[in-house]
mmCIF file of all heavy atoms, coordinates in Angstrom:
data_MODEL
# 
_entry.id   MODEL 
# 
loop_
_atom_site.group_PDB 
_atom_site.id 
_atom_site.type_symbol 
_atom_site.label_atom_id 
_atom_site.label_alt_id 
_atom_site.label_comp_id 
_atom_site.label_asym_id 
_atom_site.label_entity_id 
_atom_site.label_seq_id 
_atom_site.pdbx_PDB_ins_code 
_atom_site.Cartn_x 
_atom_site.Cartn_y 
_atom_site.Cartn_z 
_atom_site.occupancy 
_atom_site.B_iso_or_equiv 
_atom_site.pdbx_formal_charge 
_atom_site.auth_seq_id 
_atom_site.auth_comp_id 
_atom_site.auth_asym_id 
_atom_site.auth_atom_id 
_atom_site.pdbx_PDB_model_num 
ATOM 1   N N   . VAL A 1 1  ? 0.858  -1.184  0.000   1.00 0.00 ? 1  VAL A N   1 
ATOM 2   C CA  . VAL A 1 1  ? 0.000  0.000   0.000   1.00 0.00 ? 1  VAL A CA  1 
ATOM 3   C C   . VAL A 1 1  ? 0.894  1.233   0.000   1.00 0.00 ? 1  VAL A C   1 
ATOM 4   O O   . VAL A 1 1  ? 1.621  1.486   0.960   1.00 0.00 ? 1  VAL A O   1 
ATOM 5   C CB  . VAL A 1 1  ? -0.938 0.010   1.218   1.00 0.00 ? 1  VAL A CB  1 
ATOM 6   C CG1 . VAL A 1 1  ? -1.853 1.237   1.161   1.00 0.00 ? 1  VAL A CG1 1 
ATOM 7   C CG2 . VAL A 1 1  ? -1.778 -1.264  1.255   1.00 0.00 ? 1  VAL A CG2 1 
ATOM 8   N N   . GLY A 1 2  ? 0.847  1.984   -1.080  1.00 0.00 ? 2  GLY A N   1 
ATOM 9   C CA  . GLY A 1 2  ? 1.683  3.168   -1.220  1.00 0.00 ? 2  GLY A CA  1 
ATOM 10  C C   . GLY A 1 2  ? 2.561  3.067   -2.446  1.00 0.00 ? 2  GLY A C   1 
ATOM 11  O O   . GLY A 1 2  ? 3.406  2.168   -2.538  1.00 0.00 ? 2  GLY A O   1 
ATOM 12  N N   . GLY A 1 3  ? 2.358  3.975   -3.391  1.00 0.00 ? 3  GLY A N   1 
ATOM 13  C CA  . GLY A 1 3  ? 3.129  3.952   -4.625  1.00 0.00 ? 3  GLY A CA  1 
ATOM 14  C C   . GLY A 1 3  ? 4.218  5.000   -4.682  1.00 0.00 ? 3  GLY A C   1 
ATOM 15  O O   . GLY A 1 3  ? 4.595  5.459   -5.758  1.00 0.00 ? 3  GLY A O   1 
ATOM 16  N N   . GLY A 1 4  ? 4.735  5.369   -3.504  1.00 0.00 ? 4  GLY A N   1 
ATOM 17  C CA  . GLY A 1 4  ? 5.888  6.258   -3.472  1.00 0.00 ? 4  GLY A CA  1 
ATOM 18  C C   . GLY A 1 4  ? 7.164  5.474   -3.715  1.00 0.00 ? 4  GLY A C   1 
ATOM 19  O O   . GLY A 1 4  ? 7.130  4.303   -4.119  1.00 0.00 ? 4  GLY A O   1 
ATOM 20  N N   . ALA A 1 5  ? 8.307  6.109   -3.462  1.00 0.00 ? 5  ALA A N   1 
ATOM 21  C CA  . ALA A 1 5  ? 9.593  5.456   -3.730  1.00 0.00 ? 5  ALA A CA  1 
ATOM 22  C C   . ALA A 1 5  ? 9.743  4.160   -2.949  1.00 0.00 ? 5  ALA A C   1 
ATOM 23  O O   . ALA A 1 5  ? 10.177 3.140   -3.494  1.00 0.00 ? 5  ALA A O   1 
ATOM 24  C CB  . ALA A 1 5  ? 10.732 6.419   -3.394  1.00 0.00 ? 5  ALA A CB  1 
ATOM 25  N N   . THR A 1 6  ? 9.351  4.154   -1.664  1.00 0.00 ? 6  THR A N   1 
ATOM 26  C CA  . THR A 1 6  ? 9.502  2.948   -0.852  1.00 0.00 ? 6  THR A CA  1 
ATOM 27  C C   . THR A 1 6  ? 8.684  1.796   -1.403  1.00 0.00 ? 6  THR A C   1 
ATOM 28  O O   . THR A 1 6  ? 9.168  0.671   -1.549  1.00 0.00 ? 6  THR A O   1 
ATOM 29  C CB  . THR A 1 6  ? 9.088  3.237   0.606   1.00 0.00 ? 6  THR A CB  1 
ATOM 30  O OG1 . THR A 1 6  ? 9.933  4.251   1.147   1.00 0.00 ? 6  THR A OG1 1 
ATOM 31  C CG2 . THR A 1 6  ? 9.205  1.982   1.453   1.00 0.00 ? 6  THR A CG2 1 
ATOM 32  N N   . GLY A 1 7  ? 7.403  2.059   -1.728  1.00 0.00 ? 7  GLY A N   1 
ATOM 33  C CA  . GLY A 1 7  ? 6.547  1.005   -2.238  1.00 0.00 ? 7  GLY A CA  1 
ATOM 34  C C   . GLY A 1 7  ? 7.001  0.464   -3.578  1.00 0.00 ? 7  GLY A C   1 
ATOM 35  O O   . GLY A 1 7  ? 7.007  -0.758  -3.806  1.00 0.00 ? 7  GLY A O   1 
ATOM 36  N N   . VAL A 1 8  ? 7.395  1.357   -4.483  1.00 0.00 ? 8  VAL A N   1 
ATOM 37  C CA  . VAL A 1 8  ? 7.835  0.935   -5.805  1.00 0.00 ? 8  VAL A CA  1 
ATOM 38  C C   . VAL A 1 8  ? 9.128  0.125   -5.715  1.00 0.00 ? 8  VAL A C   1 
ATOM 39  O O   . VAL A 1 8  ? 9.277  -0.930  -6.351  1.00 0.00 ? 8  VAL A O   1 
ATOM 40  C CB  . VAL A 1 8  ? 8.018  2.161   -6.720  1.00 0.00 ? 8  VAL A CB  1 
ATOM 41  C CG1 . VAL A 1 8  ? 8.734  1.790   -8.016  1.00 0.00 ? 8  VAL A CG1 1 
ATOM 42  C CG2 . VAL A 1 8  ? 6.666  2.790   -7.023  1.00 0.00 ? 8  VAL A CG2 1 
ATOM 43  N N   . GLU A 1 9  ? 10.086 0.600   -4.919  1.00 0.00 ? 9  GLU A N   1 
ATOM 44  C CA  . GLU A 1 9  ? 11.352 -0.119  -4.783  1.00 0.00 ? 9  GLU A CA  1 
ATOM 45  C C   . GLU A 1 9  ? 11.149 -1.484  -4.143  1.00 0.00 ? 9  GLU A C   1 
ATOM 46  O O   . GLU A 1 9  ? 11.771 -2.472  -4.547  1.00 0.00 ? 9  GLU A O   1 
ATOM 47  C CB  . GLU A 1 9  ? 12.333 0.727   -3.969  1.00 0.00 ? 9  GLU A CB  1 
ATOM 48  C CG  . GLU A 1 9  ? 12.835 1.947   -4.720  1.00 0.00 ? 9  GLU A CG  1 
ATOM 49  C CD  . GLU A 1 9  ? 13.806 2.791   -3.917  1.00 0.00 ? 9  GLU A CD  1 
ATOM 50  O OE1 . GLU A 1 9  ? 13.806 2.688   -2.672  1.00 0.00 ? 9  GLU A OE1 1 
ATOM 51  O OE2 . GLU A 1 9  ? 14.571 3.553   -4.540  1.00 0.00 ? 9  GLU A OE2 1 
ATOM 52  N N   . LEU A 1 10 ? 10.289 -1.556  -3.142  1.00 0.00 ? 10 LEU A N   1 
ATOM 53  C CA  . LEU A 1 10 ? 10.031 -2.836  -2.494  1.00 0.00 ? 10 LEU A CA  1 
ATOM 54  C C   . LEU A 1 10 ? 9.380  -3.814  -3.461  1.00 0.00 ? 10 LEU A C   1 
ATOM 55  O O   . LEU A 1 10 ? 9.750  -4.997  -3.497  1.00 0.00 ? 10 LEU A O   1 
ATOM 56  C CB  . LEU A 1 10 ? 9.154  -2.631  -1.262  1.00 0.00 ? 10 LEU A CB  1 
ATOM 57  C CG  . LEU A 1 10 ? 8.772  -3.904  -0.491  1.00 0.00 ? 10 LEU A CG  1 
ATOM 58  C CD1 . LEU A 1 10 ? 10.016 -4.620  0.018   1.00 0.00 ? 10 LEU A CD1 1 
ATOM 59  C CD2 . LEU A 1 10 ? 7.833  -3.580  0.654   1.00 0.00 ? 10 LEU A CD2 1 
ATOM 60  N N   . ALA A 1 11 ? 8.423  -3.368  -4.254  1.00 0.00 ? 11 ALA A N   1 
ATOM 61  C CA  . ALA A 1 11 ? 7.764  -4.250  -5.210  1.00 0.00 ? 11 ALA A CA  1 
ATOM 62  C C   . ALA A 1 11 ? 8.766  -4.828  -6.207  1.00 0.00 ? 11 ALA A C   1 
ATOM 63  O O   . ALA A 1 11 ? 8.768  -6.040  -6.485  1.00 0.00 ? 11 ALA A O   1 
ATOM 64  C CB  . ALA A 1 11 ? 6.663  -3.484  -5.944  1.00 0.00 ? 11 ALA A CB  1 
ATOM 65  N N   . ALA A 1 12 ? 9.628  -3.971  -6.753  1.00 0.00 ? 12 ALA A N   1 
ATOM 66  C CA  . ALA A 1 12 ? 10.622 -4.432  -7.726  1.00 0.00 ? 12 ALA A CA  1 
ATOM 67  C C   . ALA A 1 12 ? 11.605 -5.397  -7.080  1.00 0.00 ? 12 ALA A C   1 
ATOM 68  O O   . ALA A 1 12 ? 11.986 -6.415  -7.679  1.00 0.00 ? 12 ALA A O   1 
ATOM 69  C CB  . ALA A 1 12 ? 11.354 -3.230  -8.325  1.00 0.00 ? 12 ALA A CB  1 
ATOM 70  N N   . GLU A 1 13 ? 12.007 -5.108  -5.853  1.00 0.00 ? 13 GLU A N   1 
ATOM 71  C CA  . GLU A 1 13 ? 12.964 -5.969  -5.162  1.00 0.00 ? 13 GLU A CA  1 
ATOM 72  C C   . GLU A 1 13 ? 12.342 -7.312  -4.801  1.00 0.00 ? 13 GLU A C   1 
ATOM 73  O O   . GLU A 1 13 ? 13.004 -8.358  -4.877  1.00 0.00 ? 13 GLU A O   1 
ATOM 74  C CB  . GLU A 1 13 ? 13.482 -5.272  -3.907  1.00 0.00 ? 13 GLU A CB  1 
ATOM 75  C CG  . GLU A 1 13 ? 14.791 -5.823  -3.370  1.00 0.00 ? 13 GLU A CG  1 
ATOM 76  C CD  . GLU A 1 13 ? 15.956 -5.602  -4.311  1.00 0.00 ? 13 GLU A CD  1 
ATOM 77  O OE1 . GLU A 1 13 ? 16.085 -4.501  -4.871  1.00 0.00 ? 13 GLU A OE1 1 
ATOM 78  O OE2 . GLU A 1 13 ? 16.758 -6.554  -4.481  1.00 0.00 ? 13 GLU A OE2 1 
ATOM 79  N N   . LEU A 1 14 ? 11.068 -7.321  -4.421  1.00 0.00 ? 14 LEU A N   1 
ATOM 80  C CA  . LEU A 1 14 ? 10.382 -8.582  -4.123  1.00 0.00 ? 14 LEU A CA  1 
ATOM 81  C C   . LEU A 1 14 ? 10.292 -9.451  -5.368  1.00 0.00 ? 14 LEU A C   1 
ATOM 82  O O   . LEU A 1 14 ? 10.473 -10.676 -5.306  1.00 0.00 ? 14 LEU A O   1 
ATOM 83  C CB  . LEU A 1 14 ? 8.984  -8.303  -3.568  1.00 0.00 ? 14 LEU A CB  1 
ATOM 84  C CG  . LEU A 1 14 ? 8.896  -7.838  -2.113  1.00 0.00 ? 14 LEU A CG  1 
ATOM 85  C CD1 . LEU A 1 14 ? 7.471  -7.424  -1.781  1.00 0.00 ? 14 LEU A CD1 1 
ATOM 86  C CD2 . LEU A 1 14 ? 9.365  -8.940  -1.169  1.00 0.00 ? 14 LEU A CD2 1 
ATOM 87  N N   . ASN A 1 15 ? 9.998  -8.839  -6.496  1.00 0.00 ? 15 ASN A N   1 
ATOM 88  C CA  . ASN A 1 15 ? 9.940  -9.590  -7.743  1.00 0.00 ? 15 ASN A CA  1 
ATOM 89  C C   . ASN A 1 15 ? 11.283 -10.242 -8.049  1.00 0.00 ? 15 ASN A C   1 
ATOM 90  O O   . ASN A 1 15 ? 11.355 -11.425 -8.418  1.00 0.00 ? 15 ASN A O   1 
ATOM 91  C CB  . ASN A 1 15 ? 9.521  -8.652  -8.874  1.00 0.00 ? 15 ASN A CB  1 
ATOM 92  C CG  . ASN A 1 15 ? 9.554  -9.323  -10.233 1.00 0.00 ? 15 ASN A CG  1 
ATOM 93  O OD1 . ASN A 1 15 ? 10.546 -9.221  -10.963 1.00 0.00 ? 15 ASN A OD1 1 
ATOM 94  N ND2 . ASN A 1 15 ? 8.485  -10.014 -10.585 1.00 0.00 ? 15 ASN A ND2 1 
ATOM 95  N N   . HIS A 1 16 ? 12.359 -9.482  -7.875  1.00 0.00 ? 16 HIS A N   1 
ATOM 96  C CA  . HIS A 1 16 ? 13.698 -10.030 -8.109  1.00 0.00 ? 16 HIS A CA  1 
ATOM 97  C C   . HIS A 1 16 ? 14.004 -11.153 -7.123  1.00 0.00 ? 16 HIS A C   1 
ATOM 98  O O   . HIS A 1 16 ? 14.579 -12.189 -7.503  1.00 0.00 ? 16 HIS A O   1 
ATOM 99  C CB  . HIS A 1 16 ? 14.737 -8.917  -7.989  1.00 0.00 ? 16 HIS A CB  1 
ATOM 100 C CG  . HIS A 1 16 ? 16.155 -9.403  -8.069  1.00 0.00 ? 16 HIS A CG  1 
ATOM 101 N ND1 . HIS A 1 16 ? 16.704 -9.910  -9.225  1.00 0.00 ? 16 HIS A ND1 1 
ATOM 102 C CD2 . HIS A 1 16 ? 17.132 -9.485  -7.120  1.00 0.00 ? 16 HIS A CD2 1 
ATOM 103 C CE1 . HIS A 1 16 ? 17.956 -10.258 -9.000  1.00 0.00 ? 16 HIS A CE1 1 
ATOM 104 N NE2 . HIS A 1 16 ? 18.239 -10.023 -7.734  1.00 0.00 ? 16 HIS A NE2 1 
ATOM 105 N N   . THR A 1 17 ? 13.588 -11.001 -5.873  1.00 0.00 ? 17 THR A N   1 
ATOM 106 C CA  . THR A 1 17 ? 13.831 -12.020 -4.863  1.00 0.00 ? 17 THR A CA  1 
ATOM 107 C C   . THR A 1 17 ? 13.138 -13.324 -5.207  1.00 0.00 ? 17 THR A C   1 
ATOM 108 O O   . THR A 1 17 ? 13.708 -14.415 -5.062  1.00 0.00 ? 17 THR A O   1 
ATOM 109 C CB  . THR A 1 17 ? 13.351 -11.523 -3.488  1.00 0.00 ? 17 THR A CB  1 
ATOM 110 O OG1 . THR A 1 17 ? 14.151 -10.402 -3.100  1.00 0.00 ? 17 THR A OG1 1 
ATOM 111 C CG2 . THR A 1 17 ? 13.470 -12.607 -2.431  1.00 0.00 ? 17 THR A CG2 1 
ATOM 112 N N   . MET A 1 18 ? 11.896 -13.243 -5.672  1.00 0.00 ? 18 MET A N   1 
ATOM 113 C CA  . MET A 1 18 ? 11.173 -14.458 -6.043  1.00 0.00 ? 18 MET A CA  1 
ATOM 114 C C   . MET A 1 18 ? 11.884 -15.196 -7.173  1.00 0.00 ? 18 MET A C   1 
ATOM 115 O O   . MET A 1 18 ? 11.938 -16.430 -7.201  1.00 0.00 ? 18 MET A O   1 
ATOM 116 C CB  . MET A 1 18 ? 9.747  -14.102 -6.456  1.00 0.00 ? 18 MET A CB  1 
ATOM 117 C CG  . MET A 1 18 ? 8.868  -13.589 -5.320  1.00 0.00 ? 18 MET A CG  1 
ATOM 118 S SD  . MET A 1 18 ? 8.652  -14.816 -3.988  1.00 0.00 ? 18 MET A SD  1 
ATOM 119 C CE  . MET A 1 18 ? 9.556  -14.003 -2.664  1.00 0.00 ? 18 MET A CE  1 
ATOM 120 N N   . ARG A 1 19 ? 12.438 -14.452 -8.122  1.00 0.00 ? 19 ARG A N   1 
ATOM 121 C CA  . ARG A 1 19 ? 13.177 -15.081 -9.223  1.00 0.00 ? 19 ARG A CA  1 
ATOM 122 C C   . ARG A 1 19 ? 14.462 -15.738 -8.713  1.00 0.00 ? 19 ARG A C   1 
ATOM 123 O O   . ARG A 1 19 ? 14.820 -16.845 -9.146  1.00 0.00 ? 19 ARG A O   1 
ATOM 124 C CB  . ARG A 1 19 ? 13.495 -14.034 -10.297 1.00 0.00 ? 19 ARG A CB  1 
ATOM 125 C CG  . ARG A 1 19 ? 12.251 -13.479 -10.980 1.00 0.00 ? 19 ARG A CG  1 
ATOM 126 C CD  . ARG A 1 19 ? 12.591 -12.410 -12.019 1.00 0.00 ? 19 ARG A CD  1 
ATOM 127 N NE  . ARG A 1 19 ? 11.394 -11.825 -12.583 1.00 0.00 ? 19 ARG A NE  1 
ATOM 128 C CZ  . ARG A 1 19 ? 10.701 -12.353 -13.587 1.00 0.00 ? 19 ARG A CZ  1 
ATOM 129 N NH1 . ARG A 1 19 ? 11.138 -13.474 -14.157 1.00 0.00 ? 19 ARG A NH1 1 
ATOM 130 N NH2 . ARG A 1 19 ? 9.613  -11.774 -14.042 1.00 0.00 ? 19 ARG A NH2 1 
ATOM 131 N N   . GLU A 1 20 ? 15.153 -15.070 -7.800  1.00 0.00 ? 20 GLU A N   1 
ATOM 132 C CA  . GLU A 1 20 ? 16.371 -15.646 -7.234  1.00 0.00 ? 20 GLU A CA  1 
ATOM 133 C C   . GLU A 1 20 ? 16.052 -16.907 -6.439  1.00 0.00 ? 20 GLU A C   1 
ATOM 134 O O   . GLU A 1 20 ? 16.774 -17.910 -6.517  1.00 0.00 ? 20 GLU A O   1 
ATOM 135 C CB  . GLU A 1 20 ? 17.061 -14.619 -6.333  1.00 0.00 ? 20 GLU A CB  1 
ATOM 136 C CG  . GLU A 1 20 ? 17.664 -13.431 -7.070  1.00 0.00 ? 20 GLU A CG  1 
ATOM 137 C CD  . GLU A 1 20 ? 18.996 -13.761 -7.712  1.00 0.00 ? 20 GLU A CD  1 
ATOM 138 O OE1 . GLU A 1 20 ? 19.465 -14.905 -7.556  1.00 0.00 ? 20 GLU A OE1 1 
ATOM 139 O OE2 . GLU A 1 20 ? 19.572 -12.876 -8.372  1.00 0.00 ? 20 GLU A OE2 1 
ATOM 140 N N   . LEU A 1 21 ? 14.982 -16.872 -5.652  1.00 0.00 ? 21 LEU A N   1 
ATOM 141 C CA  . LEU A 1 21 ? 14.602 -18.050 -4.867  1.00 0.00 ? 21 LEU A CA  1 
ATOM 142 C C   . LEU A 1 21 ? 14.306 -19.234 -5.778  1.00 0.00 ? 21 LEU A C   1 
ATOM 143 O O   . LEU A 1 21 ? 14.632 -20.387 -5.464  1.00 0.00 ? 21 LEU A O   1 
ATOM 144 C CB  . LEU A 1 21 ? 13.382 -17.734 -4.002  1.00 0.00 ? 21 LEU A CB  1 
ATOM 145 C CG  . LEU A 1 21 ? 13.616 -16.833 -2.786  1.00 0.00 ? 21 LEU A CG  1 
ATOM 146 C CD1 . LEU A 1 21 ? 12.290 -16.537 -2.084  1.00 0.00 ? 21 LEU A CD1 1 
ATOM 147 C CD2 . LEU A 1 21 ? 14.587 -17.475 -1.802  1.00 0.00 ? 21 LEU A CD2 1 
ATOM 148 N N   . HIS A 1 22 ? 13.690 -18.975 -6.913  1.00 0.00 ? 22 HIS A N   1 
ATOM 149 C CA  . HIS A 1 22 ? 13.393 -20.046 -7.862  1.00 0.00 ? 22 HIS A CA  1 
ATOM 150 C C   . HIS A 1 22 ? 14.688 -20.652 -8.401  1.00 0.00 ? 22 HIS A C   1 
ATOM 151 O O   . HIS A 1 22 ? 14.813 -21.877 -8.563  1.00 0.00 ? 22 HIS A O   1 
ATOM 152 C CB  . HIS A 1 22 ? 12.537 -19.495 -9.003  1.00 0.00 ? 22 HIS A CB  1 
ATOM 153 C CG  . HIS A 1 22 ? 11.979 -20.552 -9.896  1.00 0.00 ? 22 HIS A CG  1 
ATOM 154 N ND1 . HIS A 1 22 ? 11.145 -21.559 -9.448  1.00 0.00 ? 22 HIS A ND1 1 
ATOM 155 C CD2 . HIS A 1 22 ? 12.138 -20.774 -11.238 1.00 0.00 ? 22 HIS A CD2 1 
ATOM 156 C CE1 . HIS A 1 22 ? 10.816 -22.348 -10.458 1.00 0.00 ? 22 HIS A CE1 1 
ATOM 157 N NE2 . HIS A 1 22 ? 11.409 -21.892 -11.551 1.00 0.00 ? 22 HIS A NE2 1 
ATOM 158 N N   . GLN A 1 23 ? 15.684 -19.800 -8.666  1.00 0.00 ? 23 GLN A N   1 
ATOM 159 C CA  . GLN A 1 23 ? 16.969 -20.300 -9.139  1.00 0.00 ? 23 GLN A CA  1 
ATOM 160 C C   . GLN A 1 23 ? 17.691 -21.127 -8.080  1.00 0.00 ? 23 GLN A C   1 
ATOM 161 O O   . GLN A 1 23 ? 18.421 -22.064 -8.402  1.00 0.00 ? 23 GLN A O   1 
ATOM 162 C CB  . GLN A 1 23 ? 17.857 -19.131 -9.577  1.00 0.00 ? 23 GLN A CB  1 
ATOM 163 C CG  . GLN A 1 23 ? 17.363 -18.420 -10.831 1.00 0.00 ? 23 GLN A CG  1 
ATOM 164 C CD  . GLN A 1 23 ? 18.255 -17.269 -11.241 1.00 0.00 ? 23 GLN A CD  1 
ATOM 165 O OE1 . GLN A 1 23 ? 19.207 -16.939 -10.545 1.00 0.00 ? 23 GLN A OE1 1 
ATOM 166 N NE2 . GLN A 1 23 ? 17.956 -16.659 -12.383 1.00 0.00 ? 23 GLN A NE2 1 
ATOM 167 N N   . TYR A 1 24 ? 17.460 -20.778 -6.796  1.00 0.00 ? 24 TYR A N   1 
ATOM 168 C CA  . TYR A 1 24 ? 18.113 -21.508 -5.714  1.00 0.00 ? 24 TYR A CA  1 
ATOM 169 C C   . TYR A 1 24 ? 17.362 -22.781 -5.328  1.00 0.00 ? 24 TYR A C   1 
ATOM 170 O O   . TYR A 1 24 ? 17.674 -23.411 -4.323  1.00 0.00 ? 24 TYR A O   1 
ATOM 171 C CB  . TYR A 1 24 ? 18.250 -20.607 -4.483  1.00 0.00 ? 24 TYR A CB  1 
ATOM 172 C CG  . TYR A 1 24 ? 19.324 -19.552 -4.631  1.00 0.00 ? 24 TYR A CG  1 
ATOM 173 C CD1 . TYR A 1 24 ? 19.084 -18.240 -4.242  1.00 0.00 ? 24 TYR A CD1 1 
ATOM 174 C CD2 . TYR A 1 24 ? 20.568 -19.865 -5.149  1.00 0.00 ? 24 TYR A CD2 1 
ATOM 175 C CE1 . TYR A 1 24 ? 20.064 -17.260 -4.375  1.00 0.00 ? 24 TYR A CE1 1 
ATOM 176 C CE2 . TYR A 1 24 ? 21.553 -18.898 -5.282  1.00 0.00 ? 24 TYR A CE2 1 
ATOM 177 C CZ  . TYR A 1 24 ? 21.294 -17.606 -4.895  1.00 0.00 ? 24 TYR A CZ  1 
ATOM 178 O OH  . TYR A 1 24 ? 22.263 -16.632 -5.025  1.00 0.00 ? 24 TYR A OH  1 
ATOM 179 N N   . GLY A 1 25 ? 16.349 -23.142 -6.102  1.00 0.00 ? 25 GLY A N   1 
ATOM 180 C CA  . GLY A 1 25 ? 15.683 -24.415 -5.861  1.00 0.00 ? 25 GLY A CA  1 
ATOM 181 C C   . GLY A 1 25 ? 14.259 -24.335 -5.387  1.00 0.00 ? 25 GLY A C   1 
ATOM 182 O O   . GLY A 1 25 ? 13.616 -25.375 -5.199  1.00 0.00 ? 25 GLY A O   1 
ATOM 183 N N   . SER A 1 26 ? 13.732 -23.150 -5.169  1.00 0.00 ? 26 SER A N   1 
ATOM 184 C CA  . SER A 1 26 ? 12.340 -23.037 -4.757  1.00 0.00 ? 26 SER A CA  1 
ATOM 185 C C   . SER A 1 26 ? 11.427 -23.518 -5.870  1.00 0.00 ? 26 SER A C   1 
ATOM 186 O O   . SER A 1 26 ? 11.634 -23.204 -7.040  1.00 0.00 ? 26 SER A O   1 
ATOM 187 C CB  . SER A 1 26 ? 11.998 -21.581 -4.411  1.00 0.00 ? 26 SER A CB  1 
ATOM 188 O OG  . SER A 1 26 ? 10.606 -21.415 -4.273  1.00 0.00 ? 26 SER A OG  1 
ATOM 189 N N   . ARG A 1 27 ? 10.387 -24.274 -5.509  1.00 0.00 ? 27 ARG A N   1 
ATOM 190 C CA  . ARG A 1 27 ? 9.416  -24.748 -6.492  1.00 0.00 ? 27 ARG A CA  1 
ATOM 191 C C   . ARG A 1 27 ? 8.309  -23.736 -6.728  1.00 0.00 ? 27 ARG A C   1 
ATOM 192 O O   . ARG A 1 27 ? 7.352  -24.013 -7.438  1.00 0.00 ? 27 ARG A O   1 
ATOM 193 C CB  . ARG A 1 27 ? 8.828  -26.079 -6.037  1.00 0.00 ? 27 ARG A CB  1 
ATOM 194 C CG  . ARG A 1 27 ? 9.859  -27.190 -5.881  1.00 0.00 ? 27 ARG A CG  1 
ATOM 195 C CD  . ARG A 1 27 ? 9.201  -28.509 -5.523  1.00 0.00 ? 27 ARG A CD  1 
ATOM 196 N NE  . ARG A 1 27 ? 10.203 -29.548 -5.315  1.00 0.00 ? 27 ARG A NE  1 
ATOM 197 C CZ  . ARG A 1 27 ? 10.745 -29.836 -4.133  1.00 0.00 ? 27 ARG A CZ  1 
ATOM 198 N NH1 . ARG A 1 27 ? 10.363 -29.161 -3.068  1.00 0.00 ? 27 ARG A NH1 1 
ATOM 199 N NH2 . ARG A 1 27 ? 11.637 -30.793 -4.019  1.00 0.00 ? 27 ARG A NH2 1 
ATOM 200 N N   . LEU A 1 28 ? 8.458  -22.563 -6.113  1.00 0.00 ? 28 LEU A N   1 
ATOM 201 C CA  . LEU A 1 28 ? 7.471  -21.499 -6.286  1.00 0.00 ? 28 LEU A CA  1 
ATOM 202 C C   . LEU A 1 28 ? 7.861  -20.669 -7.504  1.00 0.00 ? 28 LEU A C   1 
ATOM 203 O O   . LEU A 1 28 ? 8.700  -19.767 -7.428  1.00 0.00 ? 28 LEU A O   1 
ATOM 204 C CB  . LEU A 1 28 ? 7.424  -20.611 -5.033  1.00 0.00 ? 28 LEU A CB  1 
ATOM 205 C CG  . LEU A 1 28 ? 6.433  -19.453 -5.048  1.00 0.00 ? 28 LEU A CG  1 
ATOM 206 C CD1 . LEU A 1 28 ? 4.999  -19.962 -5.204  1.00 0.00 ? 28 LEU A CD1 1 
ATOM 207 C CD2 . LEU A 1 28 ? 6.562  -18.627 -3.779  1.00 0.00 ? 28 LEU A CD2 1 
ATOM 208 N N   . SER A 1 29 ? 7.278  -20.966 -8.638  1.00 0.00 ? 29 SER A N   1 
ATOM 209 C CA  . SER A 1 29 ? 7.603  -20.242 -9.865  1.00 0.00 ? 29 SER A CA  1 
ATOM 210 C C   . SER A 1 29 ? 7.004  -18.844 -9.810  1.00 0.00 ? 29 SER A C   1 
ATOM 211 O O   . SER A 1 29 ? 6.020  -18.583 -9.107  1.00 0.00 ? 29 SER A O   1 
ATOM 212 C CB  . SER A 1 29 ? 7.073  -20.990 -11.082 1.00 0.00 ? 29 SER A CB  1 
ATOM 213 O OG  . SER A 1 29 ? 5.670  -21.174 -10.984 1.00 0.00 ? 29 SER A OG  1 
# 
């Protein structure tokens, strides 16, 4: 909730984290 710098940066970083977790063996695509 919040589309300022904090919210936007967190959303982008979470997306990157999910991709990294998948590469490290997570079955959560």
